[in-house]
Protein backbone atom coordinates (compact mmCIF):
# COMPACT_ATOMS: atom_id res chain seq x y z
CA MET A 1 -8.58 -36.71 1.62
CA PRO A 2 -6.95 -33.74 3.57
CA ALA A 3 -7.60 -30.40 2.28
CA MET A 4 -4.70 -28.59 0.10
CA GLU A 5 -2.67 -25.68 1.15
CA TYR A 6 -1.56 -23.25 -1.19
CA THR A 7 1.81 -21.61 -0.60
CA ARG A 8 3.98 -18.98 -1.96
CA TYR A 9 7.69 -17.78 -0.99
CA TYR A 10 8.54 -14.26 -0.67
CA SER A 11 11.76 -13.19 -0.35
CA SER A 12 12.13 -10.40 2.80
CA PRO A 13 15.32 -8.49 4.02
CA LEU A 14 15.17 -10.60 7.02
CA GLY A 15 14.73 -14.28 5.23
CA ASP A 16 12.88 -16.26 3.23
CA ILE A 17 8.95 -16.28 4.50
CA LEU A 18 6.72 -18.99 3.84
CA ILE A 19 2.87 -18.03 3.13
CA VAL A 20 -0.32 -20.13 3.25
CA SER A 21 -3.62 -20.39 2.34
CA ASP A 22 -6.13 -22.79 2.47
CA GLY A 23 -7.34 -21.54 -0.93
CA GLU A 24 -9.47 -18.71 0.32
CA VAL A 25 -7.99 -17.05 3.19
CA LEU A 26 -4.37 -16.61 4.72
CA THR A 27 -3.44 -19.66 6.96
CA GLY A 28 0.56 -19.39 8.13
CA LEU A 29 3.09 -16.79 7.27
CA ARG A 30 6.21 -17.51 8.85
CA PHE A 31 10.27 -17.13 8.39
CA GLU A 32 11.78 -20.44 6.44
CA GLY A 33 13.15 -22.29 9.02
CA GLN A 34 11.56 -20.95 12.18
CA LYS A 35 11.44 -23.24 14.95
CA ASP A 36 8.17 -23.29 15.73
CA SER A 37 5.71 -26.00 15.49
CA ALA A 38 2.67 -23.51 15.17
CA LEU A 39 2.33 -24.37 11.29
CA PRO A 40 2.08 -27.54 10.80
CA LEU A 41 2.12 -28.36 7.23
CA SER A 42 0.74 -32.31 7.06
CA ARG A 43 -1.91 -31.43 3.84
CA GLY A 44 -1.12 -31.98 0.33
CA ARG A 45 0.74 -28.17 -0.67
CA ALA A 46 0.86 -26.62 -4.05
CA GLU A 47 2.41 -23.48 -4.98
CA LYS A 48 -0.13 -21.94 -7.09
CA SER A 49 -1.31 -18.25 -8.13
CA LEU A 50 -4.26 -16.91 -5.64
CA PRO A 51 -5.76 -13.65 -4.84
CA VAL A 52 -5.27 -13.95 -1.00
CA LEU A 53 -1.55 -14.50 -1.56
CA GLU A 54 -1.16 -11.39 -4.31
CA GLN A 55 -3.03 -9.48 -1.35
CA THR A 56 -0.32 -10.89 1.65
CA GLN A 57 2.95 -10.40 -0.73
CA LYS A 58 1.34 -6.84 -1.52
CA TRP A 59 0.97 -6.51 2.03
CA LEU A 60 4.46 -7.46 2.75
CA ASP A 61 6.08 -5.89 -0.23
CA THR A 62 4.68 -2.17 1.32
CA TYR A 63 5.21 -3.51 5.15
CA PHE A 64 8.98 -3.92 4.16
CA SER A 65 9.33 -0.78 2.61
CA GLY A 66 8.91 0.50 6.26
CA GLN A 67 5.21 1.80 5.37
CA GLU A 68 1.99 0.84 7.48
CA PRO A 69 0.06 -1.77 4.78
CA GLY A 70 -3.23 0.06 6.01
CA PHE A 71 -5.29 -3.20 5.38
CA THR A 72 -5.23 -6.73 6.45
CA PRO A 73 -5.66 -9.88 3.56
CA PRO A 74 -8.18 -12.06 4.63
CA LEU A 75 -7.33 -14.50 7.34
CA ARG A 76 -8.29 -17.63 9.37
CA MET A 77 -6.55 -17.80 13.23
CA ALA A 78 -7.12 -21.51 13.95
CA GLY A 79 -6.75 -22.36 17.77
CA THR A 80 -8.50 -22.39 21.10
CA ASP A 81 -11.31 -19.52 22.00
CA PHE A 82 -8.43 -17.98 24.34
CA GLN A 83 -5.76 -18.28 21.49
CA ALA A 84 -7.94 -16.43 19.37
CA ALA A 85 -9.06 -13.70 22.04
CA VAL A 86 -5.01 -13.06 22.32
CA TRP A 87 -4.47 -12.56 18.60
CA LYS A 88 -7.42 -10.32 18.39
CA LEU A 89 -5.54 -7.93 20.62
CA LEU A 90 -2.43 -7.92 18.72
CA LEU A 91 -3.83 -7.15 15.53
CA GLN A 92 -5.39 -4.13 17.97
CA ILE A 93 -1.71 -3.22 18.70
CA PRO A 94 -0.74 0.15 16.04
CA TYR A 95 1.92 -0.29 13.86
CA GLY A 96 4.69 1.54 15.45
CA GLU A 97 3.85 0.96 19.26
CA THR A 98 4.42 -2.28 21.41
CA THR A 99 2.35 -3.63 24.06
CA THR A 100 3.52 -6.15 27.03
CA TYR A 101 2.59 -9.70 28.30
CA GLY A 102 1.22 -8.06 31.04
CA LYS A 103 -1.19 -5.48 29.25
CA LEU A 104 -3.11 -8.30 26.88
CA ALA A 105 -3.42 -10.34 30.37
CA ARG A 106 -5.21 -7.32 32.18
CA ARG A 107 -7.26 -7.02 28.68
CA ILE A 108 -7.90 -10.45 28.24
CA ALA A 109 -9.18 -10.50 32.26
CA ALA A 110 -11.21 -7.39 32.00
CA GLN A 111 -12.82 -8.95 28.30
CA ARG A 112 -13.50 -12.12 31.00
CA GLY A 113 -15.14 -10.58 33.80
CA ILE A 114 -12.30 -11.88 35.92
CA PRO A 115 -9.90 -10.26 38.16
CA ARG A 116 -6.67 -11.19 36.51
CA MET A 117 -5.21 -13.73 34.07
CA SER A 118 -1.21 -15.04 33.66
CA ALA A 119 1.12 -13.17 31.51
CA GLN A 120 2.66 -16.46 31.10
CA ALA A 121 -0.56 -18.04 29.66
CA VAL A 122 -1.06 -14.84 27.18
CA GLY A 123 2.93 -15.12 26.59
CA GLY A 124 1.75 -18.85 25.25
CA ALA A 125 -1.11 -18.18 23.12
CA VAL A 126 1.33 -15.15 21.44
CA GLY A 127 3.76 -17.97 20.92
CA ARG A 128 1.33 -19.98 18.80
CA ASN A 129 0.57 -17.22 16.27
CA ARG A 130 0.70 -18.59 12.49
CA ILE A 131 0.43 -15.72 11.13
CA SER A 132 3.70 -14.06 11.90
CA ILE A 133 4.20 -10.36 11.26
CA ILE A 134 0.80 -9.59 10.10
CA ILE A 135 -0.99 -10.47 13.25
CA PRO A 136 2.26 -8.56 15.20
CA CYS A 137 3.46 -10.71 17.70
CA HIS A 138 6.68 -9.26 17.32
CA ARG A 139 5.26 -5.86 18.88
CA VAL A 140 4.88 -7.92 22.63
CA ILE A 141 7.58 -7.16 24.65
CA GLY A 142 8.97 -7.83 28.39
CA SER A 143 6.96 -5.36 31.30
CA ASP A 144 10.82 -3.99 31.71
CA GLY A 145 10.68 -3.41 27.95
CA SER A 146 13.24 -6.39 27.39
CA LEU A 147 12.44 -8.48 23.94
CA THR A 148 11.51 -11.60 24.88
CA GLY A 149 10.33 -14.55 22.84
CA TYR A 150 9.71 -14.42 19.02
CA GLY A 151 9.13 -17.62 17.06
CA GLY A 152 11.75 -15.79 14.23
CA GLY A 153 14.33 -14.74 16.67
CA ILE A 154 14.72 -12.01 18.56
CA GLU A 155 17.37 -10.55 15.88
CA ARG A 156 14.47 -10.32 13.40
CA LYS A 157 12.34 -8.84 16.66
CA VAL A 158 14.97 -6.17 16.86
CA LYS A 159 14.64 -5.73 12.90
CA LEU A 160 11.19 -5.60 12.73
CA LEU A 161 10.42 -3.24 15.84
CA ALA A 162 13.27 -1.14 14.10
CA LEU A 163 11.59 -1.03 10.51
CA GLU A 164 8.49 0.27 12.11
CA LYS A 165 10.47 2.25 14.36
CA ALA A 166 8.38 0.95 17.34
CA ALA A 167 8.00 3.79 19.96
CA GLY A 168 6.94 2.18 23.55
CA ALA A 169 3.70 0.21 25.11
CA ALA A 170 1.34 2.98 24.05
CA MET A 171 -1.64 0.17 23.62
CA PRO A 172 -3.78 1.03 26.90
CA GLY A 173 -3.34 -1.54 29.60
């Protein structure tokens, strides 16, 4: 029997957000209607009050009030080792700052002891992030400062960065 998923909808200023948990940890967070296959919902689903869903709602309330939440709800990042490495780097991008796909690629290459890593490969991993906003894929921009790619839509990416008053690519390369 497939495992149960527990969901809650959160009404944000940028649209409804679906929050998904396995009952213990956060496993997904995405805007409703997001053109994104990274968060399949094929298991049984139920709405239920759970501590992790309450913590995630508190995190979102704080975030959308324009403040840094200061904590991360317990989460599970399901993906390949490469994707998990990229997502861990995303969690290190400070609130209100941005970085580039190229800088992330250089950090992954350094971690793996290889001379280079494709920024496109990093972009692919960023795009598979199932826990939008909390794992801040919206803080990754193009090397020329362009706001490329975001599963929730570029308009939302612009608004999320404006909410954080993002200051530019400050993450070390």
